[in-house]
Amino acid sequence: MGIYYVKRGRVFRLFMFFKKKIEKKEYDKSTKKPVIKASICTGEQVAGFKDISTGVFEDVMLIKTPEDLAIFKEMYDIKEEIEKIY
């Protein structure tokens, strides 16, 4: 993973030597489950938690790339597949 840029027709990659450490967070697994809420029209995806009893969605972060989803899963220590709701 890195940042790419083009100069005079050549592609260069900037290496990130200091990776920002992901802050670990917790959620109540007995009352909430991780879900991705996706828009049917725009395809925008938001990761968050759905309350099991009420069905209320609490958004946490916008998912633009697969790396964003990996960060969300690592942040909350989620190992299972995340359900997608519309």
PDB file of N, CA and C in Angstrom:
ATOM      1  N   MET A   1       0.844  -1.166   0.000  1.00  0.00           N
ATOM      2  CA  MET A   1       0.000   0.000   0.000  1.00  0.00           C
ATOM      3  C   MET A   1       0.889   1.229   0.000  1.00  0.00           C
ATOM      4  N   GLY A   2       0.540   2.177  -0.773  1.00  0.00           N
ATOM      5  CA  GLY A   2       1.322   3.395  -0.841  1.00  0.00           C
ATOM      6  C   GLY A   2       0.638   4.422  -1.705  1.00  0.00           C
ATOM      7  N   ILE A   3       1.302   5.509  -1.902  1.00  0.00           N
ATOM      8  CA  ILE A   3       0.770   6.582  -2.725  1.00  0.00           C
ATOM      9  C   ILE A   3       1.533   6.586  -4.039  1.00  0.00           C
ATOM     10  N   TYR A   4       0.801   6.653  -5.156  1.00  0.00           N
ATOM     11  CA  TYR A   4       1.408   6.648  -6.474  1.00  0.00           C
ATOM     12  C   TYR A   4       1.243   8.016  -7.124  1.00  0.00           C
ATOM     13  N   TYR A   5       2.218   8.409  -7.913  1.00  0.00           N
ATOM     14  CA  TYR A   5       2.093   9.630  -8.700  1.00  0.00           C
ATOM     15  C   TYR A   5       2.845   9.446 -10.006  1.00  0.00           C
ATOM     16  N   VAL A   6       2.444  10.226 -11.010  1.00  0.00           N
ATOM     17  CA  VAL A   6       3.040  10.128 -12.343  1.00  0.00           C
ATOM     18  C   VAL A   6       3.826  11.403 -12.617  1.00  0.00           C
ATOM     19  N   LYS A   7       5.067  11.222 -13.094  1.00  0.00           N
ATOM     20  CA  LYS A   7       5.912  12.357 -13.444  1.00  0.00           C
ATOM     21  C   LYS A   7       6.636  12.004 -14.733  1.00  0.00           C
ATOM     22  N   ARG A   8       6.426  12.833 -15.752  1.00  0.00           N
ATOM     23  CA  ARG A   8       7.048  12.634 -17.069  1.00  0.00           C
ATOM     24  C   ARG A   8       6.783  11.235 -17.629  1.00  0.00           C
ATOM     25  N   GLY A   9       5.556  10.770 -17.455  1.00  0.00           N
ATOM     26  CA  GLY A   9       5.171   9.486 -18.024  1.00  0.00           C
ATOM     27  C   GLY A   9       5.606   8.275 -17.223  1.00  0.00           C
ATOM     28  N   ARG A  10       6.268   8.471 -16.103  1.00  0.00           N
ATOM     29  CA  ARG A  10       6.701   7.345 -15.269  1.00  0.00           C
ATOM     30  C   ARG A  10       5.893   7.330 -13.979  1.00  0.00           C
ATOM     31  N   VAL A  11       5.607   6.139 -13.483  1.00  0.00           N
ATOM     32  CA  VAL A  11       4.836   5.986 -12.250  1.00  0.00           C
ATOM     33  C   VAL A  11       5.802   5.778 -11.094  1.00  0.00           C
ATOM     34  N   PHE A  12       5.619   6.559 -10.055  1.00  0.00           N
ATOM     35  CA  PHE A  12       6.452   6.458  -8.861  1.00  0.00           C
ATOM     36  C   PHE A  12       5.576   6.090  -7.675  1.00  0.00           C
ATOM     37  N   ARG A  13       6.154   5.394  -6.721  1.00  0.00           N
ATOM     38  CA  ARG A  13       5.434   4.996  -5.516  1.00  0.00           C
ATOM     39  C   ARG A  13       6.134   5.582  -4.299  1.00  0.00           C
ATOM     40  N   LEU A  14       5.364   6.256  -3.463  1.00  0.00           N
ATOM     41  CA  LEU A  14       5.894   6.763  -2.203  1.00  0.00           C
ATOM     42  C   LEU A  14       5.613   5.726  -1.127  1.00  0.00           C
ATOM     43  N   PHE A  15       6.632   5.318  -0.441  1.00  0.00           N
ATOM     44  CA  PHE A  15       6.462   4.335   0.615  1.00  0.00           C
ATOM     45  C   PHE A  15       6.153   5.027   1.926  1.00  0.00           C
ATOM     46  N   MET A  16       5.271   4.414   2.681  1.00  0.00           N
ATOM     47  CA  MET A  16       4.903   4.951   3.981  1.00  0.00           C
ATOM     48  C   MET A  16       5.717   4.185   5.029  1.00  0.00           C
ATOM     49  N   PHE A  17       6.718   4.831   5.586  1.00  0.00           N
ATOM     50  CA  PHE A  17       7.573   4.162   6.554  1.00  0.00           C
ATOM     51  C   PHE A  17       6.937   4.096   7.934  1.00  0.00           C
ATOM     52  N   PHE A  18       6.116   5.071   8.262  1.00  0.00           N
ATOM     53  CA  PHE A  18       5.486   5.091   9.568  1.00  0.00           C
ATOM     54  C   PHE A  18       3.983   4.931   9.390  1.00  0.00           C
ATOM     55  N   LYS A  19       3.504   3.722   9.615  1.00  0.00           N
ATOM     56  CA  LYS A  19       2.086   3.438   9.466  1.00  0.00           C
ATOM     57  C   LYS A  19       1.356   3.873  10.739  1.00  0.00           C
ATOM     58  N   LYS A  20       0.255   4.585  10.562  1.00  0.00           N
ATOM     59  CA  LYS A  20      -0.524   5.040  11.702  1.00  0.00           C
ATOM     60  C   LYS A  20      -1.163   3.833  12.378  1.00  0.00           C
ATOM     61  N   LYS A  21      -0.987   3.736  13.681  1.00  0.00           N
ATOM     62  CA  LYS A  21      -1.525   2.615  14.434  1.00  0.00           C
ATOM     63  C   LYS A  21      -3.036   2.770  14.564  1.00  0.00           C
ATOM     64  N   ILE A  22      -3.760   1.676  14.328  1.00  0.00           N
ATOM     65  CA  ILE A  22      -5.212   1.697  14.401  1.00  0.00           C
ATOM     66  C   ILE A  22      -5.638   1.535  15.855  1.00  0.00           C
ATOM     67  N   GLU A  23      -6.462   2.468  16.313  1.00  0.00           N
ATOM     68  CA  GLU A  23      -6.942   2.441  17.691  1.00  0.00           C
ATOM     69  C   GLU A  23      -8.028   1.376  17.818  1.00  0.00           C
ATOM     70  N   LYS A  24      -7.839   0.437  18.734  1.00  0.00           N
ATOM     71  CA  LYS A  24      -8.808  -0.635  18.952  1.00  0.00           C
ATOM     72  C   LYS A  24      -9.988  -0.101  19.755  1.00  0.00           C
ATOM     73  N   LYS A  25     -11.192  -0.467  19.327  1.00  0.00           N
ATOM     74  CA  LYS A  25     -12.414  -0.061  20.011  1.00  0.00           C
ATOM     75  C   LYS A  25     -13.268  -1.291  20.252  1.00  0.00           C
ATOM     76  N   GLU A  26     -14.229  -1.168  21.156  1.00  0.00           N
ATOM     77  CA  GLU A  26     -15.104  -2.291  21.477  1.00  0.00           C
ATOM     78  C   GLU A  26     -16.561  -1.903  21.265  1.00  0.00           C
ATOM     79  N   TYR A  27     -17.387  -2.923  21.085  1.00  0.00           N
ATOM     80  CA  TYR A  27     -18.830  -2.733  20.997  1.00  0.00           C
ATOM     81  C   TYR A  27     -19.501  -3.874  21.739  1.00  0.00           C
ATOM     82  N   ASP A  28     -20.749  -3.672  22.148  1.00  0.00           N
ATOM     83  CA  ASP A  28     -21.488  -4.682  22.906  1.00  0.00           C
ATOM     84  C   ASP A  28     -22.003  -5.750  21.942  1.00  0.00           C
ATOM     85  N   LYS A  29     -21.352  -6.901  21.935  1.00  0.00           N
ATOM     86  CA  LYS A  29     -21.695  -7.967  20.991  1.00  0.00           C
ATOM     87  C   LYS A  29     -23.033  -8.623  21.303  1.00  0.00           C
ATOM     88  N   SER A  30     -23.531  -8.451  22.534  1.00  0.00           N
ATOM     89  CA  SER A  30     -24.812  -9.066  22.892  1.00  0.00           C
ATOM     90  C   SER A  30     -26.003  -8.248  22.380  1.00  0.00           C
ATOM     91  N   THR A  31     -25.811  -6.944  22.157  1.00  0.00           N
ATOM     92  CA  THR A  31     -26.934  -6.106  21.718  1.00  0.00           C
ATOM     93  C   THR A  31     -26.757  -5.524  20.321  1.00  0.00           C
ATOM     94  N   LYS A  32     -25.550  -5.542  19.776  1.00  0.00           N
ATOM     95  CA  LYS A  32     -25.308  -4.943  18.459  1.00  0.00           C
ATOM     96  C   LYS A  32     -24.571  -5.911  17.550  1.00  0.00           C
ATOM     97  N   LYS A  33     -24.803  -5.759  16.244  1.00  0.00           N
ATOM     98  CA  LYS A  33     -24.058  -6.560  15.275  1.00  0.00           C
ATOM     99  C   LYS A  33     -23.527  -5.636  14.185  1.00  0.00           C
ATOM    100  N   PRO A  34     -22.326  -5.923  13.672  1.00  0.00           N
ATOM    101  CA  PRO A  34     -21.741  -5.074  12.629  1.00  0.00           C
ATOM    102  C   PRO A  34     -22.448  -5.292  11.289  1.00  0.00           C
ATOM    103  N   VAL A  35     -22.755  -4.192  10.602  1.00  0.00           N
ATOM    104  CA  VAL A  35     -23.389  -4.252   9.285  1.00  0.00           C
ATOM    105  C   VAL A  35     -22.816  -3.157   8.395  1.00  0.00           C
ATOM    106  N   ILE A  36     -23.019  -3.324   7.096  1.00  0.00           N
ATOM    107  CA  ILE A  36     -22.681  -2.286   6.127  1.00  0.00           C
ATOM    108  C   ILE A  36     -23.991  -1.829   5.510  1.00  0.00           C
ATOM    109  N   LYS A  37     -24.275  -0.550   5.628  1.00  0.00           N
ATOM    110  CA  LYS A  37     -25.487   0.024   5.046  1.00  0.00           C
ATOM    111  C   LYS A  37     -25.107   0.611   3.693  1.00  0.00           C
ATOM    112  N   ALA A  38     -25.717   0.070   2.631  1.00  0.00           N
ATOM    113  CA  ALA A  38     -25.387   0.502   1.270  1.00  0.00           C
ATOM    114  C   ALA A  38     -26.581   1.197   0.635  1.00  0.00           C
ATOM    115  N   SER A  39     -26.307   2.268  -0.088  1.00  0.00           N
ATOM    116  CA  SER A  39     -27.344   2.998  -0.810  1.00  0.00           C
ATOM    117  C   SER A  39     -27.614   2.292  -2.136  1.00  0.00           C
ATOM    118  N   ILE A  40     -28.879   2.103  -2.449  1.00  0.00           N
ATOM    119  CA  ILE A  40     -29.241   1.463  -3.715  1.00  0.00           C
ATOM    120  C   ILE A  40     -28.914   2.385  -4.887  1.00  0.00           C
ATOM    121  N   CYS A  41     -29.144   3.672  -4.724  1.00  0.00           N
ATOM    122  CA  CYS A  41     -28.958   4.638  -5.819  1.00  0.00           C
ATOM    123  C   CYS A  41     -27.487   4.939  -6.097  1.00  0.00           C
ATOM    124  N   THR A  42     -26.756   5.336  -5.071  1.00  0.00           N
ATOM    125  CA  THR A  42     -25.384   5.808  -5.277  1.00  0.00           C
ATOM    126  C   THR A  42     -24.326   4.746  -5.029  1.00  0.00           C
ATOM    127  N   GLY A  43     -24.670   3.688  -4.307  1.00  0.00           N
ATOM    128  CA  GLY A  43     -23.690   2.666  -3.986  1.00  0.00           C
ATOM    129  C   GLY A  43     -22.818   3.022  -2.800  1.00  0.00           C
ATOM    130  N   GLU A  44     -23.088   4.169  -2.175  1.00  0.00           N
ATOM    131  CA  GLU A  44     -22.309   4.586  -1.006  1.00  0.00           C
ATOM    132  C   GLU A  44     -22.489   3.572   0.120  1.00  0.00           C
ATOM    133  N   GLN A  45     -21.387   3.227   0.781  1.00  0.00           N
ATOM    134  CA  GLN A  45     -21.420   2.243   1.855  1.00  0.00           C
ATOM    135  C   GLN A  45     -20.936   2.866   3.152  1.00  0.00           C
ATOM    136  N   VAL A  46     -21.675   2.580   4.235  1.00  0.00           N
ATOM    137  CA  VAL A  46     -21.319   3.070   5.558  1.00  0.00           C
ATOM    138  C   VAL A  46     -21.271   1.877   6.496  1.00  0.00           C
ATOM    139  N   ALA A  47     -20.167   1.727   7.214  1.00  0.00           N
ATOM    140  CA  ALA A  47     -20.032   0.651   8.189  1.00  0.00           C
ATOM    141  C   ALA A  47     -20.513   1.152   9.536  1.00  0.00           C
ATOM    142  N   GLY A  48     -21.169   0.268  10.270  1.00  0.00           N
ATOM    143  CA  GLY A  48     -21.658   0.640  11.586  1.00  0.00           C
ATOM    144  C   GLY A  48     -22.244  -0.555  12.298  1.00  0.00           C
ATOM    145  N   PHE A  49     -23.105  -0.267  13.269  1.00  0.00           N
ATOM    146  CA  PHE A  49     -23.689  -1.325  14.082  1.00  0.00           C
ATOM    147  C   PHE A  49     -25.201  -1.180  14.120  1.00  0.00           C
ATOM    148  N   LYS A  50     -25.873  -2.333  14.047  1.00  0.00           N
ATOM    149  CA  LYS A  50     -27.331  -2.370  14.098  1.00  0.00           C
ATOM    150  C   LYS A  50     -27.737  -2.976  15.431  1.00  0.00           C
ATOM    151  N   ASP A  51     -28.611  -2.279  16.151  1.00  0.00           N
ATOM    152  CA  ASP A  51     -29.119  -2.788  17.419  1.00  0.00           C
ATOM    153  C   ASP A  51     -30.014  -3.988  17.117  1.00  0.00           C
ATOM    154  N   ILE A  52     -29.759  -5.110  17.751  1.00  0.00           N
ATOM    155  CA  ILE A  52     -30.481  -6.345  17.454  1.00  0.00           C
ATOM    156  C   ILE A  52     -31.952  -6.235  17.841  1.00  0.00           C
ATOM    157  N   SER A  53     -32.245  -5.593  18.965  1.00  0.00           N
ATOM    158  CA  SER A  53     -33.632  -5.537  19.438  1.00  0.00           C
ATOM    159  C   SER A  53     -34.459  -4.461  18.737  1.00  0.00           C
ATOM    160  N   THR A  54     -33.899  -3.291  18.485  1.00  0.00           N
ATOM    161  CA  THR A  54     -34.677  -2.191  17.896  1.00  0.00           C
ATOM    162  C   THR A  54     -34.468  -2.035  16.392  1.00  0.00           C
ATOM    163  N   GLY A  55     -33.347  -2.511  15.864  1.00  0.00           N
ATOM    164  CA  GLY A  55     -33.051  -2.372  14.443  1.00  0.00           C
ATOM    165  C   GLY A  55     -32.477  -1.020  14.066  1.00  0.00           C
ATOM    166  N   VAL A  56     -32.135  -0.198  15.056  1.00  0.00           N
ATOM    167  CA  VAL A  56     -31.579   1.133  14.801  1.00  0.00           C
ATOM    168  C   VAL A  56     -30.122   1.002  14.356  1.00  0.00           C
ATOM    169  N   PHE A  57     -29.776   1.720  13.275  1.00  0.00           N
ATOM    170  CA  PHE A  57     -28.417   1.683  12.733  1.00  0.00           C
ATOM    171  C   PHE A  57     -27.610   2.856  13.268  1.00  0.00           C
ATOM    172  N   GLU A  58     -26.401   2.567  13.754  1.00  0.00           N
ATOM    173  CA  GLU A  58     -25.470   3.594  14.243  1.00  0.00           C
ATOM    174  C   GLU A  58     -24.255   3.577  13.322  1.00  0.00           C
ATOM    175  N   ASP A  59     -24.049   4.658  12.550  1.00  0.00           N
ATOM    176  CA  ASP A  59     -22.942   4.676  11.594  1.00  0.00           C
ATOM    177  C   ASP A  59     -21.630   5.012  12.293  1.00  0.00           C
ATOM    178  N   VAL A  60     -20.552   4.403  11.779  1.00  0.00           N
ATOM    179  CA  VAL A  60     -19.220   4.592  12.355  1.00  0.00           C
ATOM    180  C   VAL A  60     -18.282   5.240  11.347  1.00  0.00           C
ATOM    181  N   MET A  61     -18.226   4.688  10.122  1.00  0.00           N
ATOM    182  CA  MET A  61     -17.303   5.241   9.129  1.00  0.00           C
ATOM    183  C   MET A  61     -17.760   4.944   7.710  1.00  0.00           C
ATOM    184  N   LEU A  62     -17.364   5.812   6.801  1.00  0.00           N
ATOM    185  CA  LEU A  62     -17.654   5.666   5.382  1.00  0.00           C
ATOM    186  C   LEU A  62     -16.668   4.677   4.771  1.00  0.00           C
ATOM    187  N   ILE A  63     -17.178   3.763   3.958  1.00  0.00           N
ATOM    188  CA  ILE A  63     -16.341   2.763   3.294  1.00  0.00           C
ATOM    189  C   ILE A  63     -16.209   3.157   1.826  1.00  0.00           C
ATOM    190  N   LYS A  64     -14.998   3.572   1.427  1.00  0.00           N
ATOM    191  CA  LYS A  64     -14.749   3.946   0.030  1.00  0.00           C
ATOM    192  C   LYS A  64     -13.960   2.872  -0.704  1.00  0.00           C
ATOM    193  N   THR A  65     -13.098   2.163   0.018  1.00  0.00           N
ATOM    194  CA  THR A  65     -12.232   1.152  -0.592  1.00  0.00           C
ATOM    195  C   THR A  65     -12.248  -0.110   0.264  1.00  0.00           C
ATOM    196  N   PRO A  66     -11.787  -1.230  -0.280  1.00  0.00           N
ATOM    197  CA  PRO A  66     -11.666  -2.444   0.533  1.00  0.00           C
ATOM    198  C   PRO A  66     -10.733  -2.255   1.739  1.00  0.00           C
ATOM    199  N   GLU A  67      -9.770  -1.350   1.611  1.00  0.00           N
ATOM    200  CA  GLU A  67      -8.867  -1.076   2.734  1.00  0.00           C
ATOM    201  C   GLU A  67      -9.622  -0.436   3.893  1.00  0.00           C
ATOM    202  N   ASP A  68     -10.612   0.418   3.582  1.00  0.00           N
ATOM    203  CA  ASP A  68     -11.435   1.024   4.633  1.00  0.00           C
ATOM    204  C   ASP A  68     -12.205  -0.043   5.401  1.00  0.00           C
ATOM    205  N   LEU A  69     -12.734  -1.029   4.679  1.00  0.00           N
ATOM    206  CA  LEU A  69     -13.455  -2.121   5.333  1.00  0.00           C
ATOM    207  C   LEU A  69     -12.510  -2.930   6.213  1.00  0.00           C
ATOM    208  N   ALA A  70     -11.297  -3.179   5.736  1.00  0.00           N
ATOM    209  CA  ALA A  70     -10.310  -3.911   6.534  1.00  0.00           C
ATOM    210  C   ALA A  70      -9.954  -3.137   7.801  1.00  0.00           C
ATOM    211  N   ILE A  71      -9.851  -1.822   7.696  1.00  0.00           N
ATOM    212  CA  ILE A  71      -9.557  -0.992   8.871  1.00  0.00           C
ATOM    213  C   ILE A  71     -10.705  -1.076   9.871  1.00  0.00           C
ATOM    214  N   PHE A  72     -11.950  -1.016   9.383  1.00  0.00           N
ATOM    215  CA  PHE A  72     -13.114  -1.128  10.266  1.00  0.00           C
ATOM    216  C   PHE A  72     -13.110  -2.467  10.995  1.00  0.00           C
ATOM    217  N   LYS A  73     -12.851  -3.547  10.254  1.00  0.00           N
ATOM    218  CA  LYS A  73     -12.838  -4.878  10.864  1.00  0.00           C
ATOM    219  C   LYS A  73     -11.710  -5.019  11.877  1.00  0.00           C
ATOM    220  N   GLU A  74     -10.555  -4.449  11.574  1.00  0.00           N
ATOM    221  CA  GLU A  74      -9.431  -4.515  12.506  1.00  0.00           C
ATOM    222  C   GLU A  74      -9.682  -3.648  13.737  1.00  0.00           C
ATOM    223  N   MET A  75     -10.296  -2.490  13.534  1.00  0.00           N
ATOM    224  CA  MET A  75     -10.553  -1.558  14.629  1.00  0.00           C
ATOM    225  C   MET A  75     -11.457  -2.183  15.697  1.00  0.00           C
ATOM    226  N   TYR A  76     -12.468  -2.936  15.257  1.00  0.00           N
ATOM    227  CA  TYR A  76     -13.427  -3.539  16.181  1.00  0.00           C
ATOM    228  C   TYR A  76     -13.212  -5.041  16.346  1.00  0.00           C
ATOM    229  N   ASP A  77     -12.105  -5.573  15.840  1.00  0.00           N
ATOM    230  CA  ASP A  77     -11.749  -6.990  15.967  1.00  0.00           C
ATOM    231  C   ASP A  77     -12.891  -7.888  15.467  1.00  0.00           C
ATOM    232  N   ILE A  78     -13.335  -7.631  14.240  1.00  0.00           N
ATOM    233  CA  ILE A  78     -14.416  -8.400  13.622  1.00  0.00           C
ATOM    234  C   ILE A  78     -13.789  -9.430  12.696  1.00  0.00           C
ATOM    235  N   LYS A  79     -14.088 -10.687  12.938  1.00  0.00           N
ATOM    236  CA  LYS A  79     -13.505 -11.764  12.145  1.00  0.00           C
ATOM    237  C   LYS A  79     -14.513 -12.350  11.146  1.00  0.00           C
ATOM    238  N   GLU A  80     -15.816 -12.283  11.485  1.00  0.00           N
ATOM    239  CA  GLU A  80     -16.830 -12.894  10.637  1.00  0.00           C
ATOM    240  C   GLU A  80     -17.207 -11.977   9.474  1.00  0.00           C
ATOM    241  N   GLU A  81     -17.959 -12.533   8.538  1.00  0.00           N
ATOM    242  CA  GLU A  81     -18.450 -11.769   7.389  1.00  0.00           C
ATOM    243  C   GLU A  81     -19.475 -10.743   7.872  1.00  0.00           C
ATOM    244  N   ILE A  82     -19.444  -9.545   7.303  1.00  0.00           N
ATOM    245  CA  ILE A  82     -20.349  -8.477   7.716  1.00  0.00           C
ATOM    246  C   ILE A  82     -21.549  -8.438   6.775  1.00  0.00           C
ATOM    247  N   GLU A  83     -22.750  -8.430   7.363  1.00  0.00           N
ATOM    248  CA  GLU A  83     -23.989  -8.382   6.588  1.00  0.00           C
ATOM    249  C   GLU A  83     -24.150  -7.006   5.944  1.00  0.00           C
ATOM    250  N   LYS A  84     -24.686  -7.002   4.722  1.00  0.00           N
ATOM    251  CA  LYS A  84     -24.939  -5.742   4.009  1.00  0.00           C
ATOM    252  C   LYS A  84     -26.448  -5.503   3.995  1.00  0.00           C
ATOM    253  N   ILE A  85     -26.864  -4.298   4.440  1.00  0.00           N
ATOM    254  CA  ILE A  85     -28.282  -3.942   4.432  1.00  0.00           C
ATOM    255  C   ILE A  85     -28.491  -2.766   3.480  1.00  0.00           C
ATOM    256  N   TYR A  86     -29.719  -2.652   2.947  1.00  0.00           N
ATOM    257  CA  TYR A  86     -30.030  -1.598   1.980  1.00  0.00           C
ATOM    258  C   TYR A  86     -31.123  -0.703   2.497  1.00  0.00           C
TER     259      TYR A  86
END
